[in-house]
């Protein structure tokens, strides 16, 4: 009896130790749910936020206007929120139906993982779901090799993208957010990246809003369900869109969250916080309760003219979408700015005729001269390509038809002949006039 009792105790102790180790290993380095108060309703009162995070921001998803912030421009390790940029690069430059082959040595990727094996095949689309839902660190590595052949040029693409978006305090070294010196971002820059993804990529928006996804793999076929690490946020917060969690020891728990209500999107970011999801919910609730979008210019508002290369005359344009600012719900607006709009021509448009309704640039909304929102500029009427540009394109563009090139050359030749003829006529006319004057001066009238 005594021996049996001691055996049972020893066995229970062994099970407890195994359970402890298993939990520790499962939580290590992964973007798991943090231990937050499950009664999330108290974080949705709309009151002024009291986040644990000392690096956080709330922005309007339309304009990027900051509605609440604490050290929004302070640089920090961004952990797996980095994957937002990796995902956008792969969406932009890759093809969702392509097959991605995991490179040799991918098993060495640390921490959270899809457990890809060298040579394993997976579609790019399923790879992106695993990247953004499970936050698997090996997936951006496989994506980097698929797109660029190695990690450094892929990370260069990520850095180029975020600079284009307007991020001034972001620099990536790894594609997945694993800690590295000189790998940093800020709450505001991460909000801008999320805003860009949700606004410009329907694929990105669809992926980050998914709670669970079944994927298809070629080797580890049983590990085929990926769960969103932001699943609780998606379930409990009204209008939630996702976006991305993150954790490494040096960064702490991080969360970029977005929600849309009545068509109005807000984005909040909390870095290095044990209650990052609650912090984000507080800020979003505060934003929806205390602010609202105010339409400054309606859709299809005339927005001036743009001058396009190779097009005869200026092209009148109008706004492709409404332009908004943000105002307080409680009386006085945040400010009383003077609004103006500025039409900007497309810089890389190929010369050619302009169709009515064609996107030919952008329209920027400015408040007291400061840009706050941009939409597309569409042509209000057709415009013809300038003759000089038409002839030049027909002659120099190898893609044109042979007949078109011959006609263009004939037209150019005819124009040259006409010009020479005009010069000859002018010269001959002047000579004839001088000759007639001399003859008249020599004639003596009869008396």
Protein backbone atom coordinates (compact mmCIF):
# COMPACT_ATOMS: atom_id res chain seq x y z
CA UNK A 1 0.00 0.00 0.00
CA UNK A 2 2.73 2.42 1.01
CA UNK A 3 4.77 1.60 -2.10
CA UNK A 4 1.69 2.00 -4.30
CA UNK A 5 0.88 5.38 -2.70
CA UNK A 6 4.43 6.64 -3.27
CA UNK A 7 4.32 5.42 -6.85
CA UNK A 8 1.08 7.32 -7.47
CA UNK A 9 2.57 10.49 -5.98
CA UNK A 10 5.71 10.12 -8.04
CA UNK A 11 3.66 9.56 -11.17
CA UNK A 12 1.51 12.65 -10.44
CA UNK A 13 4.65 14.70 -9.89
CA UNK A 14 6.09 13.55 -13.21
CA UNK A 15 2.84 14.45 -15.00
CA UNK A 16 2.84 17.90 -13.39
CA UNK A 17 6.43 18.55 -14.47
CA UNK A 18 5.69 17.39 -18.02
CA UNK A 19 2.60 19.61 -18.16
CA UNK A 20 4.56 22.61 -16.89
CA UNK A 21 7.31 22.10 -19.45
CA UNK A 22 4.82 21.60 -22.26
CA UNK A 23 3.01 24.83 -21.42
CA UNK A 24 6.26 26.71 -21.16
CA UNK A 25 7.47 25.43 -24.52
CA UNK A 26 4.14 26.18 -26.18
CA UNK A 27 4.13 29.76 -24.92
CA UNK A 28 7.78 30.49 -25.62
CA UNK A 29 8.19 33.06 -28.36
CA UNK A 30 4.68 32.67 -29.75
CA UNK A 31 2.00 35.29 -30.32
CA UNK A 32 -0.39 33.60 -27.90
CA UNK A 33 -3.29 35.28 -26.15
CA UNK A 34 -2.02 37.30 -23.20
CA UNK A 35 -3.49 36.77 -19.73
CA UNK A 36 -6.01 39.61 -19.83
CA UNK A 37 -9.25 40.18 -17.99
CA UNK A 38 -11.89 38.11 -19.84
CA UNK A 39 -14.58 40.71 -19.07
CA UNK A 40 -13.70 42.88 -22.06
CA UNK A 41 -16.91 44.95 -21.83
CA UNK A 42 -15.33 47.26 -19.26
CA UNK A 43 -12.72 48.25 -21.86
CA UNK A 44 -15.42 49.38 -24.31
CA UNK A 45 -16.95 52.27 -22.35
CA UNK A 46 -15.59 55.00 -24.61
CA UNK A 47 -13.85 56.71 -21.70
CA UNK A 48 -10.40 58.28 -22.05
CA UNK A 49 -8.01 55.32 -22.40
CA UNK A 50 -5.74 54.24 -19.57
CA UNK A 51 -3.54 51.74 -21.39
CA UNK A 52 -0.71 49.82 -19.77
CA UNK A 53 1.34 50.45 -22.89
CA UNK A 54 3.53 53.55 -22.85
CA UNK A 55 3.90 53.32 -26.62
CA UNK A 56 0.51 53.42 -28.30
CA UNK A 57 -1.55 55.30 -30.84
CA UNK A 58 -5.07 55.59 -32.23
CA UNK A 59 -5.53 56.91 -35.78
CA UNK A 60 -8.39 57.59 -38.15
CA UNK A 61 -8.23 54.94 -40.86
CA UNK A 62 -9.33 57.41 -43.55
CA UNK A 63 -6.86 60.22 -42.98
CA UNK A 64 -4.19 58.89 -40.64
CA UNK A 65 -5.03 61.66 -38.14
CA UNK A 66 -3.85 60.83 -34.61
CA UNK A 67 -6.77 60.81 -32.14
CA UNK A 68 -4.85 59.52 -29.11
CA UNK A 69 -1.19 58.74 -28.51
CA UNK A 70 1.57 58.07 -26.03
CA UNK A 71 5.08 58.15 -27.49
CA UNK A 72 3.64 57.28 -30.88
CA UNK A 73 6.91 58.02 -32.68
CA UNK A 74 9.26 56.20 -30.29
CA UNK A 75 11.20 53.34 -31.89
CA UNK A 76 10.78 49.81 -30.50
CA UNK A 77 11.29 46.22 -31.66
CA UNK A 78 7.96 45.47 -33.42
CA UNK A 79 8.07 41.65 -33.11
CA UNK A 80 5.68 39.83 -35.46
CA UNK A 81 3.78 42.97 -36.45
CA UNK A 82 6.68 43.08 -38.94
CA UNK A 83 4.83 40.40 -40.89
CA UNK A 84 2.28 42.97 -42.10
CA UNK A 85 4.94 44.42 -44.41
CA UNK A 86 6.16 40.96 -45.50
CA UNK A 87 2.59 39.96 -46.34
CA UNK A 88 2.00 43.11 -48.40
CA UNK A 89 5.19 42.63 -50.42
CA UNK A 90 4.24 39.02 -51.22
CA UNK A 91 0.69 40.04 -52.20
CA UNK A 92 1.98 42.85 -54.42
CA UNK A 93 4.83 41.02 -56.17
CA UNK A 94 3.71 37.39 -55.95
CA UNK A 95 0.82 35.33 -57.29
CA UNK A 96 -1.53 33.69 -54.79
CA UNK A 97 -1.82 30.48 -56.83
CA UNK A 98 1.96 30.05 -57.06
CA UNK A 99 3.60 27.14 -55.25
CA UNK A 100 6.17 28.09 -52.63
CA UNK A 101 8.92 25.55 -51.90
CA UNK A 102 10.48 25.73 -48.45
CA UNK A 103 14.26 26.30 -48.75
CA UNK A 104 16.93 24.05 -47.19
CA UNK A 105 17.53 24.71 -43.50
CA UNK A 106 14.14 26.30 -42.86
CA UNK A 107 13.67 23.95 -39.90
CA UNK A 108 16.19 26.10 -38.00
CA UNK A 109 13.82 29.09 -37.89
CA UNK A 110 13.19 29.92 -34.24
CA UNK A 111 10.05 30.07 -32.15
CA UNK A 112 6.50 30.18 -33.57
CA UNK A 113 6.39 28.01 -36.66
CA UNK A 114 4.37 26.18 -39.27
CA UNK A 115 7.03 23.46 -38.95
CA UNK A 116 7.83 23.61 -42.64
CA UNK A 117 10.27 20.95 -43.85
CA UNK A 118 12.95 21.58 -46.48
CA UNK A 119 11.37 21.07 -49.88
CA UNK A 120 7.80 21.21 -48.54
CA UNK A 121 5.36 22.81 -50.98
CA UNK A 122 2.48 25.13 -50.15
CA UNK A 123 0.52 27.70 -52.13
CA UNK A 124 1.43 31.34 -51.56
CA UNK A 125 -2.12 32.04 -50.42
CA UNK A 126 -2.02 29.35 -47.71
CA UNK A 127 1.46 30.52 -46.72
CA UNK A 128 0.08 34.03 -46.14
CA UNK A 129 -2.76 32.69 -43.97
CA UNK A 130 -0.25 30.78 -41.84
CA UNK A 131 1.93 33.89 -41.64
CA UNK A 132 -0.81 36.27 -40.50
CA UNK A 133 -3.00 33.91 -38.42
CA UNK A 134 -0.58 31.57 -36.65
CA UNK A 135 2.25 34.12 -37.02
CA UNK A 136 4.58 31.33 -38.15
CA UNK A 137 8.14 32.67 -38.38
CA UNK A 138 9.23 30.19 -41.04
CA UNK A 139 6.60 31.36 -43.54
CA UNK A 140 8.15 34.79 -44.32
CA UNK A 141 11.50 33.03 -44.78
CA UNK A 142 9.96 30.67 -47.34
CA UNK A 143 8.23 33.67 -48.94
CA UNK A 144 11.51 35.58 -49.17
CA UNK A 145 13.23 32.70 -50.98
CA UNK A 146 10.22 32.27 -53.29
CA UNK A 147 10.18 35.93 -54.32
CA UNK A 148 13.83 37.03 -54.14
CA UNK A 149 15.99 33.93 -53.72
CA UNK A 150 17.22 35.01 -50.28
CA UNK A 151 16.26 37.14 -47.29
CA UNK A 152 18.25 40.43 -47.73
CA UNK A 153 16.68 41.55 -51.05
CA UNK A 154 13.24 40.66 -49.73
CA UNK A 155 13.77 42.78 -46.63
CA UNK A 156 14.94 45.60 -48.92
CA UNK A 157 11.56 45.39 -50.64
CA UNK A 158 9.83 45.61 -47.26
CA UNK A 159 11.82 48.73 -46.36
CA UNK A 160 11.11 50.32 -49.74
CA UNK A 161 7.40 49.66 -49.30
CA UNK A 162 7.10 51.24 -45.87
CA UNK A 163 9.03 54.31 -47.03
CA UNK A 164 6.52 54.69 -49.84
CA UNK A 165 3.68 54.43 -47.32
CA UNK A 166 5.22 57.29 -45.31
CA UNK A 167 6.95 55.46 -42.44
CA UNK A 168 9.87 57.59 -41.25
CA UNK A 169 10.95 55.59 -38.20
CA UNK A 170 10.90 52.01 -39.43
CA UNK A 171 13.74 49.76 -40.51
CA UNK A 172 13.47 46.01 -40.93
CA UNK A 173 16.30 43.50 -40.75
CA UNK A 174 14.33 40.23 -40.56
CA UNK A 175 11.18 39.32 -42.54
CA UNK A 176 9.37 37.85 -39.52
CA UNK A 177 10.16 40.20 -36.62
CA UNK A 178 12.56 37.96 -34.71
CA UNK A 179 14.79 40.28 -32.74
CA UNK A 180 17.81 41.80 -34.45
CA UNK A 181 19.77 45.00 -33.72
CA UNK A 182 18.57 47.91 -35.84
CA UNK A 183 15.19 46.24 -36.45
CA UNK A 184 12.60 48.76 -35.25
CA UNK A 185 9.35 50.57 -35.87
CA UNK A 186 6.94 52.86 -33.98
CA UNK A 187 3.25 52.67 -33.05
CA UNK A 188 2.41 55.33 -35.64
CA UNK A 189 4.35 53.67 -38.46
CA UNK A 190 2.76 50.29 -37.72
CA UNK A 191 -0.66 51.96 -37.83
CA UNK A 192 0.22 53.42 -41.24
CA UNK A 193 1.26 49.98 -42.54
CA UNK A 194 -2.01 48.44 -41.32
CA UNK A 195 -3.98 51.34 -42.83
CA UNK A 196 -2.26 50.83 -46.18
CA UNK A 197 -2.96 47.09 -46.16
CA UNK A 198 -6.63 47.44 -45.20
CA UNK A 199 -7.19 50.26 -47.72
CA UNK A 200 -5.21 49.04 -50.73
CA UNK A 201 -5.38 45.24 -50.56
CA UNK A 202 -8.63 43.30 -50.34
CA UNK A 203 -6.52 40.14 -49.97
CA UNK A 204 -4.74 41.53 -46.90
CA UNK A 205 -8.05 42.68 -45.38
CA UNK A 206 -9.63 39.27 -45.98
CA UNK A 207 -6.74 37.33 -44.47
CA UNK A 208 -6.37 39.35 -41.24
CA UNK A 209 -10.12 39.13 -40.54
CA UNK A 210 -10.17 35.31 -40.78
CA UNK A 211 -10.42 33.44 -37.47
CA UNK A 212 -9.38 29.98 -38.67
CA UNK A 213 -8.22 28.53 -41.96
CA UNK A 214 -7.62 25.02 -43.25
CA UNK A 215 -4.55 24.92 -45.48
CA UNK A 216 -3.10 22.36 -47.88
CA UNK A 217 0.49 21.14 -47.43
CA UNK A 218 2.67 18.54 -49.12
CA UNK A 219 4.49 16.99 -46.13
CA UNK A 220 3.09 17.81 -42.68
CA UNK A 221 -0.47 17.30 -43.85
CA UNK A 222 -2.00 16.84 -40.40
CA UNK A 223 -0.88 20.28 -39.22
CA UNK A 224 -3.34 21.94 -41.57
CA UNK A 225 -5.45 24.30 -39.42
CA UNK A 226 -4.15 27.77 -38.50
CA UNK A 227 -5.89 29.85 -35.85
CA UNK A 228 -5.77 33.63 -35.61
CA UNK A 229 -3.82 34.80 -32.57
CA UNK A 230 -6.24 37.76 -32.45
CA UNK A 231 -9.29 35.45 -32.42
CA UNK A 232 -10.68 36.82 -29.13
CA UNK A 233 -10.54 40.39 -30.43
CA UNK A 234 -12.35 39.35 -33.60
CA UNK A 235 -15.06 37.60 -31.56
CA UNK A 236 -15.77 40.17 -28.86
CA UNK A 237 -15.12 43.63 -30.34
CA UNK A 238 -17.93 44.97 -32.56
CA UNK A 239 -16.74 45.69 -36.08
CA UNK A 240 -13.29 44.15 -35.57
CA UNK A 241 -11.13 43.73 -38.69
CA UNK A 242 -8.05 41.99 -37.23
CA UNK A 243 -4.90 42.84 -37.75
CA UNK A 244 -1.69 41.45 -36.18
CA UNK A 245 -0.25 40.35 -32.85
CA UNK A 246 3.42 40.11 -31.97
CA UNK A 247 5.76 38.88 -29.26
CA UNK A 248 9.45 38.44 -28.66
CA UNK A 249 11.07 38.91 -25.29
CA UNK A 250 12.82 42.15 -26.29
CA UNK A 251 9.57 43.67 -27.62
CA UNK A 252 6.99 42.40 -25.16
CA UNK A 253 3.42 41.74 -26.24
CA UNK A 254 2.30 43.91 -29.17
CA UNK A 255 -0.98 44.31 -31.01
CA UNK A 256 -2.17 46.24 -34.05
CA UNK A 257 -5.98 46.21 -34.11
CA UNK A 258 -8.60 47.74 -36.38
CA UNK A 259 -12.38 48.03 -36.43
CA UNK A 260 -14.95 49.63 -38.73
CA UNK A 261 -18.33 51.01 -37.73
CA UNK A 262 -20.79 52.68 -40.10
CA UNK A 263 -18.12 52.55 -42.77
CA UNK A 264 -15.58 54.44 -40.64
CA UNK A 265 -12.30 52.60 -39.85
CA UNK A 266 -10.06 53.19 -36.84
CA UNK A 267 -6.67 51.61 -36.14
CA UNK A 268 -4.95 51.28 -32.76
CA UNK A 269 -1.50 50.01 -31.80
CA UNK A 270 -0.14 49.03 -28.39
CA UNK A 271 3.48 47.93 -27.95
CA UNK A 272 5.17 46.23 -24.98
CA UNK A 273 2.03 45.72 -22.92
CA UNK A 274 0.81 42.68 -20.95
CA UNK A 275 -2.73 43.78 -21.86
CA UNK A 276 -2.17 44.90 -25.43
CA UNK A 277 -5.58 43.70 -26.68
CA UNK A 278 -7.40 45.50 -23.88
CA UNK A 279 -5.33 48.62 -24.58
CA UNK A 280 -6.35 48.50 -28.24
CA UNK A 281 -10.03 47.96 -27.34
CA UNK A 282 -9.95 50.96 -25.01
CA UNK A 283 -8.51 53.22 -27.70
CA UNK A 284 -10.87 52.03 -30.43
CA UNK A 285 -13.90 52.41 -28.15
CA UNK A 286 -12.73 55.90 -27.18
CA UNK A 287 -12.37 56.85 -30.85
CA UNK A 288 -15.81 55.63 -31.91
CA UNK A 289 -17.47 57.26 -28.87
CA UNK A 290 -15.83 60.69 -29.10
CA UNK A 291 -15.09 61.37 -32.78
CA UNK A 292 -16.74 61.02 -36.15
CA UNK A 293 -15.77 61.52 -39.78
CA UNK A 294 -16.85 64.76 -41.43
CA UNK A 295 -17.15 64.86 -45.21
CA UNK A 296 -15.26 67.83 -46.62
CA UNK A 297 -15.66 67.09 -50.34
CA UNK A 298 -18.18 64.72 -51.91
CA UNK A 299 -17.39 62.03 -54.44
CA UNK A 300 -16.88 63.43 -57.95
CA UNK A 301 -16.17 66.97 -56.73
CA UNK A 302 -14.37 69.02 -59.44
CA UNK A 303 -10.72 69.23 -58.38
CA UNK A 304 -9.03 71.39 -61.00
CA UNK A 305 -6.83 70.20 -63.83
CA UNK A 306 -3.73 68.09 -64.37
CA UNK A 307 -1.18 68.35 -67.15
CA UNK A 308 -0.23 64.92 -68.43
CA UNK A 309 2.84 64.14 -70.49
CA UNK A 310 2.06 63.88 -74.18
CA UNK A 311 -1.57 65.03 -73.83
CA UNK A 312 -2.81 68.15 -75.61
CA UNK A 313 -3.99 70.67 -73.01
CA UNK A 314 -4.81 70.29 -69.33
CA UNK A 315 -7.19 67.52 -68.28
CA UNK A 316 -10.02 68.49 -65.86
CA UNK A 317 -10.42 66.01 -62.99
CA UNK A 318 -12.74 65.19 -60.11
CA UNK A 319 -12.41 63.22 -56.87
CA UNK A 320 -12.79 59.46 -57.17
CA UNK A 321 -14.03 59.12 -53.56
CA UNK A 322 -15.21 61.47 -50.78
CA UNK A 323 -12.59 63.30 -48.73
CA UNK A 324 -12.98 63.35 -44.94
CA UNK A 325 -11.62 65.02 -41.85
CA UNK A 326 -12.32 64.01 -38.23
CA UNK A 327 -14.33 66.11 -35.76
CA UNK A 328 -15.35 65.79 -32.14
CA UNK A 329 -18.80 64.44 -31.33
CA UNK A 330 -19.04 66.87 -28.41
CA UNK A 331 -19.46 70.29 -29.95
CA UNK A 332 -16.35 72.12 -31.06
CA UNK A 333 -14.22 70.39 -33.69
CA UNK A 334 -10.64 69.43 -33.04
CA UNK A 335 -9.68 72.47 -35.12
CA UNK A 336 -11.23 74.87 -37.62
CA UNK A 337 -8.90 74.50 -40.57
CA UNK A 338 -9.07 76.01 -44.01
CA UNK A 339 -9.54 73.15 -46.46
CA UNK A 340 -8.10 73.06 -49.96
CA UNK A 341 -7.63 70.33 -52.54
CA UNK A 342 -4.72 69.79 -54.87
CA UNK A 343 -4.74 67.67 -58.03
CA UNK A 344 -1.52 65.74 -58.71
CA UNK A 345 -0.89 64.13 -62.12
CA UNK A 346 0.16 60.50 -62.40
CA UNK A 347 3.93 60.48 -62.82
CA UNK A 348 4.26 57.17 -64.68
CA UNK A 349 1.28 57.28 -67.01
CA UNK A 350 2.08 56.16 -70.55
CA UNK A 351 1.25 58.88 -73.14
CA UNK A 352 -2.01 58.27 -74.97
CA UNK A 353 -5.60 59.42 -75.26
CA UNK A 354 -7.43 60.00 -71.98
CA UNK A 355 -10.82 58.36 -71.48
CA UNK A 356 -13.59 59.95 -69.43
CA UNK A 357 -13.53 58.44 -65.93
CA UNK A 358 -9.92 57.25 -66.27
CA UNK A 359 -7.71 57.48 -63.16
CA UNK A 360 -5.05 60.02 -64.12
CA UNK A 361 -3.57 61.03 -60.77
CA UNK A 362 -4.56 61.81 -57.20
CA UNK A 363 -6.40 64.52 -55.27
CA UNK A 364 -4.96 65.58 -51.93
CA UNK A 365 -7.03 67.17 -49.16
CA UNK A 366 -5.10 69.76 -47.17
CA UNK A 367 -6.04 71.39 -43.86
CA UNK A 368 -4.17 74.66 -43.38
CA UNK A 369 -1.76 73.45 -46.04
CA UNK A 370 -1.09 70.11 -44.35
CA UNK A 371 -2.04 66.92 -46.26
CA UNK A 372 -4.58 64.81 -44.37
CA UNK A 373 -6.15 62.51 -46.98
CA UNK A 374 -5.71 61.45 -50.61
CA UNK A 375 -8.05 59.92 -53.16
CA UNK A 376 -7.85 59.25 -56.88
CA UNK A 377 -8.26 61.89 -59.60
CA UNK A 378 -10.46 60.82 -62.52
CA UNK A 379 -10.79 62.63 -65.83
CA UNK A 380 -14.13 64.42 -66.30
CA UNK A 381 -13.86 64.42 -70.09
CA UNK A 382 -11.74 62.73 -72.77
CA UNK A 383 -8.53 64.31 -74.02
CA UNK A 384 -6.45 63.62 -77.10
CA UNK A 385 -2.80 62.83 -77.23
CA UNK A 386 -0.69 65.68 -78.59
CA UNK A 387 0.26 65.24 -82.29
CA UNK A 388 3.99 65.50 -81.58
CA UNK A 389 3.78 62.80 -78.93
CA UNK A 390 1.63 60.64 -81.18
CA UNK A 391 4.15 60.81 -84.02
CA UNK A 392 7.08 60.27 -81.69
CA UNK A 393 5.43 57.24 -80.10
CA UNK A 394 4.46 55.76 -83.44
CA UNK A 395 8.02 56.07 -84.74
CA UNK A 396 9.89 54.98 -81.62
CA UNK A 397 7.50 52.41 -80.14
CA UNK A 398 8.36 48.99 -81.50
CA UNK A 399 5.02 47.65 -80.30
CA UNK A 400 3.17 49.71 -82.92
CA UNK A 401 2.09 48.13 -86.21
CA UNK A 402 4.36 48.33 -89.25
CA UNK A 403 1.71 50.25 -91.19
CA UNK A 404 1.39 52.78 -88.36
CA UNK A 405 5.13 53.35 -88.31
CA UNK A 406 5.24 53.80 -92.10
CA UNK A 407 2.34 56.28 -92.01
CA UNK A 408 4.00 58.19 -89.18
CA UNK A 409 7.26 58.39 -91.11
CA UNK A 410 5.40 59.58 -94.22
CA UNK A 411 3.64 62.26 -92.16
CA UNK A 412 6.93 63.41 -90.70
CA UNK A 413 8.47 63.46 -94.21
CA UNK A 414 5.52 65.39 -95.59
CA UNK A 415 5.80 67.91 -92.78
CA UNK A 416 9.49 68.40 -93.58
CA UNK A 417 8.76 68.86 -97.31
CA UNK A 418 6.04 71.42 -96.59
CA UNK A 419 8.37 73.30 -94.26
CA UNK A 420 11.13 73.40 -96.92
CA UNK A 421 8.59 74.51 -99.53
CA UNK A 422 7.45 77.38 -97.33
CA UNK A 423 11.03 78.50 -96.83
CA UNK A 424 11.63 78.38 -100.60
CA UNK A 425 8.45 80.34 -101.32
CA UNK A 426 9.35 83.03 -98.81
CA UNK A 427 12.88 83.31 -100.22
CA UNK A 428 11.58 83.37 -103.83
CA UNK A 429 8.94 85.97 -102.95
CA UNK A 430 11.50 88.28 -101.43
CA UNK A 431 13.78 87.91 -104.48
CA UNK A 432 10.90 88.62 -106.88
CA UNK A 433 9.92 91.73 -104.96
CA UNK A 434 13.46 93.13 -105.09
CA UNK A 435 13.66 92.44 -108.89
CA UNK A 436 10.39 94.27 -109.55
CA UNK A 437 11.59 97.27 -107.54
CA UNK A 438 14.79 97.51 -109.62
CA UNK A 439 12.83 97.32 -112.90
CA UNK A 440 10.43 100.10 -111.84
CA UNK A 441 13.30 102.36 -110.86
CA UNK A 442 14.87 102.03 -114.39
CA UNK A 443 11.70 102.86 -116.40
CA UNK A 444 11.50 106.55 -117.57
CA UNK A 445 7.96 107.84 -118.06
CA UNK A 446 6.99 109.25 -121.61
CA UNK A 447 6.38 112.98 -121.82
